[in-house]
C-alpha atoms as a PDB file:
ATOM      1  CA  MET A   1     -86.376-203.562 -21.842  1.00  0.00           C
ATOM      2  CA  THR A   2     -85.056-206.883 -20.509  1.00  0.00           C
ATOM      3  CA  LEU A   3     -87.687-209.502 -19.799  1.00  0.00           C
ATOM      4  CA  HIS A   4     -87.364-212.545 -17.574  1.00  0.00           C
ATOM      5  CA  LEU A   5     -90.098-215.126 -17.097  1.00  0.00           C
ATOM      6  CA  SER A   6     -91.507-214.829 -13.583  1.00  0.00           C
ATOM      7  CA  SER A   7     -90.243-217.665 -11.380  1.00  0.00           C
ATOM      8  CA  HIS A   8     -93.679-218.368  -9.912  1.00  0.00           C
ATOM      9  CA  MET A   9     -95.276-219.201 -13.260  1.00  0.00           C
ATOM     10  CA  ARG A  10     -95.703-222.883 -12.434  1.00  0.00           C
ATOM     11  CA  HIS A  11     -97.304-222.050  -9.068  1.00  0.00           C
ATOM     12  CA  GLU A  12     -99.978-219.600 -10.183  1.00  0.00           C
ATOM     13  CA  HIS A  13    -103.617-220.667 -10.282  1.00  0.00           C
ATOM     14  CA  LEU A  14    -104.376-220.831 -13.988  1.00  0.00           C
ATOM     15  CA  MET A  15    -107.883-219.687 -14.901  1.00  0.00           C
ATOM     16  CA  TYR A  16    -107.949-221.384 -18.287  1.00  0.00           C
ATOM     17  CA  GLY A  17    -105.824-224.478 -17.798  1.00  0.00           C
ATOM     18  CA  ASP A  18    -102.284-225.049 -18.966  1.00  0.00           C
ATOM     19  CA  VAL A  19    -100.707-223.086 -21.802  1.00  0.00           C
ATOM     20  CA  LYS A  20    -100.670-224.917 -25.118  1.00  0.00           C
ATOM     21  CA  LEU A  21     -98.566-223.325 -27.854  1.00  0.00           C
ATOM     22  CA  PHE A  22     -99.364-224.014 -31.493  1.00  0.00           C
ATOM     23  CA  ALA A  23     -97.501-222.603 -34.484  1.00  0.00           C
ATOM     24  CA  GLY A  24     -98.374-222.324 -38.127  1.00  0.00           C
ATOM     25  CA  THR A  25     -95.674-222.529 -40.777  1.00  0.00           C
ATOM     26  CA  ALA A  26     -95.177-218.765 -41.248  1.00  0.00           C
ATOM     27  CA  CYS A  27     -92.674-217.966 -38.475  1.00  0.00           C
ATOM     28  CA  PRO A  28     -91.220-221.211 -37.075  1.00  0.00           C
ATOM     29  CA  ASP A  29     -88.060-219.620 -35.641  1.00  0.00           C
ATOM     30  CA  LEU A  30     -89.993-216.980 -33.713  1.00  0.00           C
ATOM     31  CA  ALA A  31     -92.419-219.630 -32.419  1.00  0.00           C
ATOM     32  CA  GLU A  32     -89.523-221.794 -31.226  1.00  0.00           C
ATOM     33  CA  LYS A  33     -87.948-218.831 -29.422  1.00  0.00           C
ATOM     34  CA  ILE A  34     -91.247-218.025 -27.709  1.00  0.00           C
ATOM     35  CA  ALA A  35     -91.552-221.660 -26.608  1.00  0.00           C
ATOM     36  CA  ARG A  36     -87.994-221.613 -25.224  1.00  0.00           C
ATOM     37  CA  TYR A  37     -88.707-218.394 -23.334  1.00  0.00           C
ATOM     38  CA  LEU A  38     -91.756-220.001 -21.722  1.00  0.00           C
ATOM     39  CA  LYS A  39     -89.899-223.306 -21.188  1.00  0.00           C
ATOM     40  CA  LEU A  40     -92.744-225.087 -22.948  1.00  0.00           C
ATOM     41  CA  PRO A  41     -92.868-227.286 -26.041  1.00  0.00           C
ATOM     42  CA  LEU A  42     -94.716-226.399 -29.209  1.00  0.00           C
ATOM     43  CA  SER A  43     -97.738-228.693 -29.347  1.00  0.00           C
ATOM     44  CA  GLY A  44     -97.864-231.177 -32.185  1.00  0.00           C
ATOM     45  CA  ARG A  45    -100.061-230.624 -35.219  1.00  0.00           C
ATOM     46  CA  ASP A  46    -100.110-231.651 -38.845  1.00  0.00           C
ATOM     47  CA  ILE A  47    -100.673-229.080 -41.589  1.00  0.00           C
ATOM     48  CA  ILE A  48    -101.169-230.798 -44.926  1.00  0.00           C
ATOM     49  CA  THR A  49    -101.648-229.214 -48.347  1.00  0.00           C
ATOM     50  CA  PHE A  50    -103.816-231.318 -50.641  1.00  0.00           C
ATOM     51  CA  PRO A  51    -103.228-231.416 -54.425  1.00  0.00           C
ATOM     52  CA  ASN A  52    -106.136-228.973 -54.883  1.00  0.00           C
ATOM     53  CA  ASP A  53    -104.283-226.478 -52.625  1.00  0.00           C
ATOM     54  CA  ASN A  54    -106.752-226.974 -49.746  1.00  0.00           C
ATOM     55  CA  LEU A  55    -105.269-227.073 -46.243  1.00  0.00           C
ATOM     56  CA  PHE A  56    -105.925-229.731 -43.612  1.00  0.00           C
ATOM     57  CA  VAL A  57    -105.035-229.479 -39.910  1.00  0.00           C
ATOM     58  CA  LYS A  58    -104.944-232.257 -37.309  1.00  0.00           C
ATOM     59  CA  LEU A  59    -103.890-231.905 -33.659  1.00  0.00           C
ATOM     60  CA  HIS A  60    -101.663-234.568 -32.101  1.00  0.00           C
ATOM     61  CA  GLY A  61    -103.487-234.404 -28.767  1.00  0.00           C
ATOM     62  CA  SER A  62    -106.556-233.094 -26.981  1.00  0.00           C
ATOM     63  CA  VAL A  63    -106.771-229.432 -25.922  1.00  0.00           C
ATOM     64  CA  ARG A  64    -110.044-229.727 -24.007  1.00  0.00           C
ATOM     65  CA  GLY A  65    -110.081-227.144 -21.219  1.00  0.00           C
ATOM     66  CA  GLN A  66    -106.648-225.733 -22.153  1.00  0.00           C
ATOM     67  CA  ASP A  67    -105.452-222.160 -22.746  1.00  0.00           C
ATOM     68  CA  CYS A  68    -104.296-222.247 -26.369  1.00  0.00           C
ATOM     69  CA  PHE A  69    -102.119-219.727 -28.210  1.00  0.00           C
ATOM     70  CA  VAL A  70    -101.733-219.864 -32.001  1.00  0.00           C
ATOM     71  CA  ILE A  71     -98.514-218.199 -33.205  1.00  0.00           C
ATOM     72  CA  GLN A  72     -98.762-217.228 -36.865  1.00  0.00           C
ATOM     73  CA  THR A  73     -97.644-214.114 -38.674  1.00  0.00           C
ATOM     74  CA  THR A  74     -99.620-213.227 -41.813  1.00  0.00           C
ATOM     75  CA  SER A  75     -96.904-211.984 -44.144  1.00  0.00           C
ATOM     76  CA  ALA A  76     -96.369-213.397 -47.643  1.00  0.00           C
ATOM     77  CA  PRO A  77     -97.729-215.788 -48.744  1.00  0.00           C
ATOM     78  CA  VAL A  78    -100.523-213.856 -47.068  1.00  0.00           C
ATOM     79  CA  HIS A  79    -103.517-215.955 -48.025  1.00  0.00           C
ATOM     80  CA  ARG A  80    -101.978-219.296 -47.129  1.00  0.00           C
ATOM     81  CA  ASN A  81    -100.716-217.962 -43.805  1.00  0.00           C
ATOM     82  CA  LEU A  82    -104.040-216.336 -43.019  1.00  0.00           C
ATOM     83  CA  MET A  83    -105.967-219.522 -43.826  1.00  0.00           C
ATOM     84  CA  GLU A  84    -103.574-221.573 -41.684  1.00  0.00           C
ATOM     85  CA  LEU A  85    -104.298-219.231 -38.794  1.00  0.00           C
ATOM     86  CA  LEU A  86    -108.068-219.436 -39.245  1.00  0.00           C
ATOM     87  CA  ILE A  87    -108.114-223.219 -39.645  1.00  0.00           C
ATOM     88  CA  LEU A  88    -105.859-223.743 -36.616  1.00  0.00           C
ATOM     89  CA  ILE A  89    -108.145-221.540 -34.518  1.00  0.00           C
ATOM     90  CA  GLN A  90    -111.268-223.391 -35.653  1.00  0.00           C
ATOM     91  CA  THR A  91    -109.649-226.771 -35.039  1.00  0.00           C
ATOM     92  CA  LEU A  92    -108.888-225.763 -31.447  1.00  0.00           C
ATOM     93  CA  ARG A  93    -112.414-224.427 -30.977  1.00  0.00           C
ATOM     94  CA  LEU A  94    -113.965-227.669 -32.202  1.00  0.00           C
ATOM     95  CA  ASP A  95    -111.706-229.619 -29.821  1.00  0.00           C
ATOM     96  CA  SER A  96    -113.158-227.651 -26.868  1.00  0.00           C
ATOM     97  CA  ALA A  97    -110.197-225.442 -25.960  1.00  0.00           C
ATOM     98  CA  ALA A  98    -111.072-223.286 -22.951  1.00  0.00           C
ATOM     99  CA  ARG A  99    -109.653-220.153 -24.554  1.00  0.00           C
ATOM    100  CA  ILE A 100    -107.896-219.399 -27.844  1.00  0.00           C
ATOM    101  CA  THR A 101    -105.572-216.456 -28.405  1.00  0.00           C
ATOM    102  CA  ALA A 102    -104.379-215.557 -31.901  1.00  0.00           C
ATOM    103  CA  VAL A 103    -100.752-214.387 -31.629  1.00  0.00           C
ATOM    104  CA  VAL A 104    -100.214-212.490 -34.888  1.00  0.00           C
ATOM    105  CA  PRO A 105     -96.897-210.575 -34.838  1.00  0.00           C
ATOM    106  CA  TYR A 106     -97.723-208.988 -38.202  1.00  0.00           C
ATOM    107  CA  LEU A 107    -101.376-208.479 -39.185  1.00  0.00           C
ATOM    108  CA  ALA A 108    -102.036-208.594 -42.932  1.00  0.00           C
ATOM    109  CA  TYR A 109    -104.138-205.936 -44.672  1.00  0.00           C
ATOM    110  CA  ALA A 110    -103.509-203.448 -41.845  1.00  0.00           C
ATOM    111  CA  ARG A 111    -102.991-200.679 -44.407  1.00  0.00           C
ATOM    112  CA  SER A 112    -106.510-201.196 -45.763  1.00  0.00           C
ATOM    113  CA  ASP A 113    -108.061-199.572 -42.693  1.00  0.00           C
ATOM    114  CA  LYS A 114    -110.417-196.970 -44.220  1.00  0.00           C
ATOM    115  CA  LYS A 115    -112.316-195.955 -47.346  1.00  0.00           C
ATOM    116  CA  ASP A 116    -109.921-193.354 -48.676  1.00  0.00           C
ATOM    117  CA  GLN A 117    -111.464-193.399 -52.156  1.00  0.00           C
ATOM    118  CA  PRO A 118    -114.781-194.500 -53.672  1.00  0.00           C
ATOM    119  CA  ARG A 119    -115.651-198.162 -54.174  1.00  0.00           C
ATOM    120  CA  VAL A 120    -112.876-199.740 -52.069  1.00  0.00           C
ATOM    121  CA  PRO A 121    -113.088-202.187 -49.145  1.00  0.00           C
ATOM    122  CA  ILE A 122    -111.933-201.930 -45.536  1.00  0.00           C
ATOM    123  CA  THR A 123    -110.102-205.244 -45.619  1.00  0.00           C
ATOM    124  CA  ALA A 124    -108.481-204.856 -42.203  1.00  0.00           C
ATOM    125  CA  ARG A 125    -111.960-205.057 -40.659  1.00  0.00           C
ATOM    126  CA  LEU A 126    -112.713-208.190 -42.691  1.00  0.00           C
ATOM    127  CA  VAL A 127    -109.538-209.906 -41.434  1.00  0.00           C
ATOM    128  CA  CYS A 128    -110.405-209.062 -37.827  1.00  0.00           C
ATOM    129  CA  ASP A 129    -113.939-210.410 -38.339  1.00  0.00           C
ATOM    130  CA  MET A 130    -112.594-213.670 -39.788  1.00  0.00           C
ATOM    131  CA  ILE A 131    -110.273-214.219 -36.811  1.00  0.00           C
ATOM    132  CA  GLU A 132    -113.229-213.776 -34.454  1.00  0.00           C
ATOM    133  CA  VAL A 133    -115.590-215.977 -36.484  1.00  0.00           C
ATOM    134  CA  ALA A 134    -112.959-218.729 -36.627  1.00  0.00           C
ATOM    135  CA  GLY A 135    -113.178-218.895 -32.841  1.00  0.00           C
ATOM    136  CA  ALA A 136    -110.495-216.677 -31.297  1.00  0.00           C
ATOM    137  CA  ASP A 137    -111.285-215.330 -27.825  1.00  0.00           C
ATOM    138  CA  ARG A 138    -108.341-212.924 -27.720  1.00  0.00           C
ATOM    139  CA  TYR A 139    -105.619-211.580 -29.976  1.00  0.00           C
ATOM    140  CA  ILE A 140    -102.040-210.383 -29.546  1.00  0.00           C
ATOM    141  CA  THR A 141    -100.384-208.383 -32.305  1.00  0.00           C
ATOM    142  CA  MET A 142     -97.635-205.812 -32.785  1.00  0.00           C
ATOM    143  CA  ASP A 143     -97.347-202.274 -34.128  1.00  0.00           C
ATOM    144  CA  LEU A 144    -100.497-201.912 -36.174  1.00  0.00           C
ATOM    145  CA  HIS A 145    -100.275-199.544 -39.117  1.00  0.00           C
ATOM    146  CA  ALA A 146    -103.105-197.500 -37.581  1.00  0.00           C
ATOM    147  CA  GLY A 147    -104.358-197.541 -34.015  1.00  0.00           C
ATOM    148  CA  GLN A 148    -108.026-197.560 -35.015  1.00  0.00           C
ATOM    149  CA  ILE A 149    -107.692-201.154 -36.230  1.00  0.00           C
ATOM    150  CA  GLN A 150    -108.037-202.176 -32.574  1.00  0.00           C
ATOM    151  CA  GLY A 151    -111.650-201.058 -32.895  1.00  0.00           C
ATOM    152  CA  PHE A 152    -112.260-203.595 -35.662  1.00  0.00           C
ATOM    153  CA  PHE A 153    -112.022-206.395 -33.077  1.00  0.00           C
ATOM    154  CA  SER A 154    -114.900-207.076 -30.689  1.00  0.00           C
ATOM    155  CA  ILE A 155    -112.763-209.483 -28.651  1.00  0.00           C
ATOM    156  CA  PRO A 156    -110.175-208.250 -26.120  1.00  0.00           C
ATOM    157  CA  GLY A 157    -106.538-208.148 -27.099  1.00  0.00           C
ATOM    158  CA  ASP A 158    -103.108-206.652 -26.646  1.00  0.00           C
ATOM    159  CA  VAL A 159    -101.408-204.475 -29.250  1.00  0.00           C
ATOM    160  CA  LEU A 160     -97.719-204.548 -28.384  1.00  0.00           C
ATOM    161  CA  THR A 161     -94.923-202.389 -29.711  1.00  0.00           C
ATOM    162  CA  ALA A 162     -91.282-202.955 -30.605  1.00  0.00           C
ATOM    163  CA  PHE A 163     -90.619-199.305 -29.721  1.00  0.00           C
ATOM    164  CA  PHE A 164     -88.916-200.013 -26.384  1.00  0.00           C
ATOM    165  CA  SER A 165     -86.711-202.757 -27.818  1.00  0.00           C
ATOM    166  CA  LEU A 166     -85.623-200.531 -30.707  1.00  0.00           C
ATOM    167  CA  ILE A 167     -84.973-197.589 -28.382  1.00  0.00           C
ATOM    168  CA  ASP A 168     -82.933-199.744 -25.989  1.00  0.00           C
ATOM    169  CA  TYR A 169     -80.804-200.906 -28.927  1.00  0.00           C
ATOM    170  CA  ILE A 170     -80.310-197.455 -30.457  1.00  0.00           C
ATOM    171  CA  ARG A 171     -79.659-195.455 -27.286  1.00  0.00           C
ATOM    172  CA  PRO A 172     -76.112-196.786 -26.550  1.00  0.00           C
ATOM    173  CA  LYS A 173     -75.105-195.954 -30.129  1.00  0.00           C
ATOM    174  CA  LEU A 174     -75.816-192.243 -29.687  1.00  0.00           C
ATOM    175  CA  ALA A 175     -72.504-191.651 -27.912  1.00  0.00           C
ATOM    176  CA  THR A 176     -70.584-192.447 -31.097  1.00  0.00           C
ATOM    177  CA  MET A 177     -72.955-190.692 -33.511  1.00  0.00           C
ATOM    178  CA  ARG A 178     -72.369-187.276 -35.028  1.00  0.00           C
ATOM    179  CA  ASN A 179     -75.035-184.823 -33.846  1.00  0.00           C
ATOM    180  CA  PRO A 180     -77.839-187.363 -34.511  1.00  0.00           C
ATOM    181  CA  VAL A 181     -81.375-186.551 -35.627  1.00  0.00           C
ATOM    182  CA  VAL A 182     -84.497-188.711 -35.912  1.00  0.00           C
ATOM    183  CA  VAL A 183     -86.165-188.587 -39.337  1.00  0.00           C
ATOM    184  CA  SER A 184     -89.757-189.687 -39.912  1.00  0.00           C
ATOM    185  CA  ALA A 185     -89.963-191.598 -43.192  1.00  0.00           C
ATOM    186  CA  ASP A 186     -93.283-189.869 -43.948  1.00  0.00           C
ATOM    187  CA  LEU A 187     -95.751-187.503 -42.298  1.00  0.00           C
ATOM    188  CA  GLY A 188     -98.106-190.390 -41.494  1.00  0.00           C
ATOM    189  CA  PHE A 189     -95.491-191.728 -39.076  1.00  0.00           C
ATOM    190  CA  ALA A 190     -94.760-188.292 -37.590  1.00  0.00           C
ATOM    191  CA  LYS A 191     -96.470-188.845 -34.217  1.00  0.00           C
ATOM    192  CA  LYS A 192     -94.646-192.122 -33.599  1.00  0.00           C
ATOM    193  CA  ALA A 193     -91.385-190.608 -34.840  1.00  0.00           C
ATOM    194  CA  ARG A 194     -91.828-187.835 -32.289  1.00  0.00           C
ATOM    195  CA  ASN A 195     -91.943-190.537 -29.594  1.00  0.00           C
ATOM    196  CA  TYR A 196     -88.587-191.842 -30.834  1.00  0.00           C
ATOM    197  CA  ALA A 197     -87.098-188.344 -30.784  1.00  0.00           C
ATOM    198  CA  GLN A 198     -88.446-187.681 -27.304  1.00  0.00           C
ATOM    199  CA  ALA A 199     -87.212-190.999 -25.900  1.00  0.00           C
ATOM    200  CA  LEU A 200     -83.737-190.433 -27.391  1.00  0.00           C
ATOM    201  CA  ASN A 201     -83.729-186.691 -26.599  1.00  0.00           C
ATOM    202  CA  LEU A 202     -82.992-185.833 -30.218  1.00  0.00           C
ATOM    203  CA  PRO A 203     -84.335-183.286 -32.727  1.00  0.00           C
ATOM    204  CA  LEU A 204     -86.854-184.444 -35.327  1.00  0.00           C
ATOM    205  CA  ALA A 205     -87.081-184.005 -39.093  1.00  0.00           C
ATOM    206  CA  PHE A 206     -89.745-185.185 -41.555  1.00  0.00           C
ATOM    207  CA  ILE A 207     -89.944-186.387 -45.118  1.00  0.00           C
ATOM    208  CA  GLU A 208     -93.073-185.279 -46.975  1.00  0.00           C
ATOM    209  CA  LYS A 209     -94.117-187.698 -49.680  1.00  0.00           C
ATOM    210  CA  ARG A 210     -97.103-188.050 -51.932  1.00  0.00           C
ATOM    211  CA  ARG A 211     -98.582-191.406 -52.932  1.00  0.00           C
ATOM    212  CA  LEU A 212     -99.211-191.516 -56.669  1.00  0.00           C
ATOM    213  CA  GLY A 213    -101.600-194.464 -56.998  1.00  0.00           C
ATOM    214  CA  ASN A 214    -102.681-197.845 -55.669  1.00  0.00           C
ATOM    215  CA  ASP A 215     -99.579-199.770 -56.786  1.00  0.00           C
ATOM    216  CA  ALA A 216     -97.450-199.164 -53.645  1.00  0.00           C
ATOM    217  CA  LYS A 217     -95.417-196.441 -55.365  1.00  0.00           C
ATOM    218  CA  ALA A 218     -94.762-193.143 -53.652  1.00  0.00           C
ATOM    219  CA  GLU A 219     -92.570-190.138 -54.335  1.00  0.00           C
ATOM    220  CA  ALA A 220     -90.467-188.490 -51.639  1.00  0.00           C
ATOM    221  CA  LEU A 221     -90.713-184.764 -52.176  1.00  0.00           C
ATOM    222  CA  THR A 222     -89.495-182.539 -49.354  1.00  0.00           C
ATOM    223  CA  MET A 223     -87.327-182.576 -46.239  1.00  0.00           C
ATOM    224  CA  ILE A 224     -88.749-180.648 -43.288  1.00  0.00           C
ATOM    225  CA  GLY A 225     -85.954-180.071 -40.793  1.00  0.00           C
ATOM    226  CA  ASP A 226     -82.144-180.099 -40.753  1.00  0.00           C
ATOM    227  CA  VAL A 227     -79.996-183.190 -41.375  1.00  0.00           C
ATOM    228  CA  LYS A 228     -76.871-181.528 -42.799  1.00  0.00           C
ATOM    229  CA  ASP A 229     -73.656-182.938 -41.280  1.00  0.00           C
ATOM    230  CA  ARG A 230     -75.740-185.077 -38.896  1.00  0.00           C
ATOM    231  CA  ASP A 231     -76.171-188.812 -38.482  1.00  0.00           C
ATOM    232  CA  ALA A 232     -79.788-189.564 -39.413  1.00  0.00           C
ATOM    233  CA  ILE A 233     -81.956-192.257 -37.825  1.00  0.00           C
ATOM    234  CA  ILE A 234     -84.840-192.861 -40.236  1.00  0.00           C
ATOM    235  CA  VAL A 235     -87.801-194.546 -38.510  1.00  0.00           C
ATOM    236  CA  ASP A 236     -90.876-196.265 -39.951  1.00  0.00           C
ATOM    237  CA  ASP A 237     -93.267-199.085 -39.069  1.00  0.00           C
ATOM    238  CA  GLU A 238     -92.813-201.308 -42.116  1.00  0.00           C
ATOM    239  CA  ILE A 239     -90.725-201.725 -45.256  1.00  0.00           C
ATOM    240  CA  ASP A 240     -92.455-203.603 -48.053  1.00  0.00           C
ATOM    241  CA  THR A 241     -91.057-203.073 -51.560  1.00  0.00           C
ATOM    242  CA  GLY A 242     -88.513-200.585 -50.215  1.00  0.00           C
ATOM    243  CA  GLY A 243     -89.340-197.950 -52.814  1.00  0.00           C
ATOM    244  CA  SER A 244     -90.416-195.234 -50.384  1.00  0.00           C
ATOM    245  CA  MET A 245     -87.556-195.961 -47.990  1.00  0.00           C
ATOM    246  CA  ALA A 246     -85.003-195.930 -50.813  1.00  0.00           C
ATOM    247  CA  GLN A 247     -86.259-192.490 -51.852  1.00  0.00           C
ATOM    248  CA  ALA A 248     -86.130-191.335 -48.235  1.00  0.00           C
ATOM    249  CA  ILE A 249     -82.545-192.522 -47.821  1.00  0.00           C
ATOM    250  CA  LYS A 250     -81.439-190.835 -51.058  1.00  0.00           C
ATOM    251  CA  LEU A 251     -83.158-187.581 -50.086  1.00  0.00           C
ATOM    252  CA  VAL A 252     -81.591-187.561 -46.610  1.00  0.00           C
ATOM    253  CA  LYS A 253     -78.165-188.157 -48.169  1.00  0.00           C
ATOM    254  CA  GLU A 254     -78.725-185.402 -50.751  1.00  0.00           C
ATOM    255  CA  MET A 255     -79.591-183.017 -47.908  1.00  0.00           C
ATOM    256  CA  GLY A 256     -76.143-183.543 -46.403  1.00  0.00           C
ATOM    257  CA  ALA A 257     -76.606-186.286 -43.800  1.00  0.00           C
ATOM    258  CA  HIS A 258     -73.489-188.113 -42.660  1.00  0.00           C
ATOM    259  CA  ASP A 259     -74.167-191.733 -41.554  1.00  0.00           C
ATOM    260  CA  ILE A 260     -77.683-193.122 -41.992  1.00  0.00           C
ATOM    261  CA  TYR A 261     -79.424-195.644 -39.760  1.00  0.00           C
ATOM    262  CA  VAL A 262     -82.826-197.122 -40.615  1.00  0.00           C
ATOM    263  CA  SER A 263     -85.101-198.506 -37.892  1.00  0.00           C
ATOM    264  CA  PHE A 264     -88.365-200.275 -38.720  1.00  0.00           C
ATOM    265  CA  VAL A 265     -90.577-202.923 -37.116  1.00  0.00           C
ATOM    266  CA  HIS A 266     -91.963-205.178 -39.847  1.00  0.00           C
ATOM    267  CA  PRO A 267     -89.476-206.396 -42.512  1.00  0.00           C
ATOM    268  CA  GLY A 268     -91.819-207.271 -45.377  1.00  0.00           C
ATOM    269  CA  LEU A 269     -88.948-206.845 -47.882  1.00  0.00           C
ATOM    270  CA  THR A 270     -90.944-208.031 -50.888  1.00  0.00           C
ATOM    271  CA  ARG A 271     -89.876-208.133 -54.548  1.00  0.00           C
ATOM    272  CA  ASP A 272     -86.392-206.648 -54.987  1.00  0.00           C
ATOM    273  CA  ALA A 273     -86.386-204.681 -51.722  1.00  0.00           C
ATOM    274  CA  PRO A 274     -83.308-206.479 -50.291  1.00  0.00           C
ATOM    275  CA  GLN A 275     -81.245-205.770 -53.421  1.00  0.00           C
ATOM    276  CA  ARG A 276     -82.442-202.155 -53.528  1.00  0.00           C
ATOM    277  CA  LEU A 277     -81.838-201.415 -49.862  1.00  0.00           C
ATOM    278  CA  GLY A 278     -78.621-203.410 -49.590  1.00  0.00           C
ATOM    279  CA  ALA A 279     -77.011-201.250 -52.273  1.00  0.00           C
ATOM    280  CA  LEU A 280     -77.758-197.957 -50.481  1.00  0.00           C
ATOM    281  CA  PRO A 281     -75.290-196.057 -48.233  1.00  0.00           C
ATOM    282  CA  VAL A 282     -76.844-197.122 -44.916  1.00  0.00           C
ATOM    283  CA  LYS A 283     -74.625-197.840 -41.926  1.00  0.00           C
ATOM    284  CA  GLU A 284     -77.172-200.119 -40.231  1.00  0.00           C
ATOM    285  CA  TYR A 285     -80.692-201.419 -40.765  1.00  0.00           C
ATOM    286  CA  ILE A 286     -82.424-202.306 -37.480  1.00  0.00           C
ATOM    287  CA  THR A 287     -85.589-204.389 -37.523  1.00  0.00           C
ATOM    288  CA  THR A 288     -87.401-207.264 -35.760  1.00  0.00           C
ATOM    289  CA  ASP A 289     -88.440-210.857 -36.440  1.00  0.00           C
ATOM    290  CA  THR A 290     -92.206-210.221 -36.668  1.00  0.00           C
ATOM    291  CA  ILE A 291     -91.731-211.357 -40.281  1.00  0.00           C
ATOM    292  CA  PRO A 292     -89.020-213.937 -41.018  1.00  0.00           C
ATOM    293  CA  ILE A 293     -86.263-212.881 -43.420  1.00  0.00           C
ATOM    294  CA  PRO A 294     -84.993-215.798 -45.539  1.00  0.00           C
ATOM    295  CA  ALA A 295     -81.246-216.288 -45.853  1.00  0.00           C
ATOM    296  CA  ASP A 296     -81.270-215.388 -49.561  1.00  0.00           C
ATOM    297  CA  LYS A 297     -82.750-211.987 -48.727  1.00  0.00           C
ATOM    298  CA  MET A 298     -80.374-211.386 -45.831  1.00  0.00           C
ATOM    299  CA  ALA A 299     -77.456-212.083 -48.159  1.00  0.00           C
ATOM    300  CA  HIS A 300     -78.113-208.793 -49.983  1.00  0.00           C
ATOM    301  CA  PHE A 301     -77.298-206.776 -46.852  1.00  0.00           C
ATOM    302  CA  PRO A 302     -73.530-206.359 -46.489  1.00  0.00           C
ATOM    303  CA  GLY A 303     -73.360-207.140 -42.764  1.00  0.00           C
ATOM    304  CA  ASN A 304     -75.454-204.123 -41.812  1.00  0.00           C
ATOM    305  CA  LEU A 305     -78.787-205.806 -40.931  1.00  0.00           C
ATOM    306  CA  THR A 306     -79.634-206.254 -37.235  1.00  0.00           C
ATOM    307  CA  ILE A 307     -82.699-208.292 -36.248  1.00  0.00           C
ATOM    308  CA  LEU A 308     -84.073-207.903 -32.719  1.00  0.00           C
ATOM    309  CA  SER A 309     -86.200-210.828 -31.538  1.00  0.00           C
ATOM    310  CA  MET A 310     -89.663-210.108 -30.179  1.00  0.00           C
ATOM    311  CA  ALA A 311     -89.871-213.580 -28.610  1.00  0.00           C
ATOM    312  CA  PRO A 312     -89.181-212.418 -25.015  1.00  0.00           C
ATOM    313  CA  LEU A 313     -91.883-209.750 -25.271  1.00  0.00           C
ATOM    314  CA  LEU A 314     -94.456-212.065 -26.850  1.00  0.00           C
ATOM    315  CA  GLY A 315     -93.569-214.881 -24.450  1.00  0.00           C
ATOM    316  CA  GLU A 316     -93.936-212.654 -21.415  1.00  0.00           C
ATOM    317  CA  VAL A 317     -97.308-211.378 -22.595  1.00  0.00           C
ATOM    318  CA  ILE A 318     -98.520-214.938 -23.229  1.00  0.00           C
ATOM    319  CA  TRP A 319     -97.579-215.820 -19.651  1.00  0.00           C
ATOM    320  CA  ARG A 320     -99.310-212.713 -18.296  1.00  0.00           C
ATOM    321  CA  VAL A 321    -102.482-213.391 -20.278  1.00  0.00           C
ATOM    322  CA  ASN A 322    -102.576-216.956 -18.958  1.00  0.00           C
ATOM    323  CA  ALA A 323    -101.865-215.967 -15.346  1.00  0.00           C
ATOM    324  CA  GLY A 324    -104.207-212.969 -15.353  1.00  0.00           C
ATOM    325  CA  VAL A 325    -101.377-210.491 -14.699  1.00  0.00           C
ATOM    326  CA  SER A 326    -101.332-206.937 -16.070  1.00  0.00           C
ATOM    327  CA  VAL A 327     -99.684-206.531 -19.467  1.00  0.00           C
ATOM    328  CA  GLY A 328     -99.585-202.743 -19.138  1.00  0.00           C
ATOM    329  CA  ALA A 329     -97.301-203.073 -16.118  1.00  0.00           C
ATOM    330  CA  LEU A 330     -94.574-204.191 -18.525  1.00  0.00           C
ATOM    331  CA  PHE A 331     -94.542-200.662 -19.928  1.00  0.00           C
ATOM    332  CA  ASN A 332     -95.245-198.872 -16.622  1.00  0.00           C
ATOM    333  CA  GLU A 333     -98.836-198.230 -17.718  1.00  0.00           C
END
């Protein structure tokens, strides 16, 4: 899906004033790319950390009556990045912004979306509440771990997906692949994996795994489907520590797969995930820039890591939100 900023942007009647882009410190490269797509500057702000670890935000100029967008992913360090987001939103609210949209490419705590055992919180709901209380009027995010998280917000928003970008990148590769098959990294991703298989017109296989506890460890148990002598495209929404994905890759290889490709949206890549994944027999890892990957982590991948930028998609949606143009039309909805 190729996106180009509509030429009549400057001539539309803007309901909420001019677009003002603000960025936290979590994803500066993505924010800069979004600003370049929109042909707008990032608005000035100071974010200062006091010796007691408290954060202080000051805007360089007034935003009274303006349509403000705060670009901040909430990956590690989660609590600093989340507080930056909340404080930026409140600062804009107190300076009388006409409308504030939280642009959160990766939403923290999205996996804590239900009470799946006694005496545990639903932290995803708490995060959504905090964004609203801070003063956000809208939100934009990408590929939530579970669709029901949209219901935790009372404000309107747009949940975007990297699906079309990933599909557009993978599709031309099929001609050189050996009898390819899409593999869902776990049964929880099966419905979305089916969408990949359908869009690519490929068969689908599944990995059944069982989570053993609350410490992010899981055990890959069974392959459902045929990958023998095929190129496998393993799909998932997020890789964090890489433990589950490493087990999935090893299982697919043990079941006779030829080349292995891994496609995922959010590259958390915490702890030793880059070292673990970089050492595995994977032809290509394909991901996005919803979470920045530092150079020291990228160095562990031997030239087989591809990062697709979500800046054109996020930039186009920001323009459409400001101009009052349908976002669904981007996806023929």
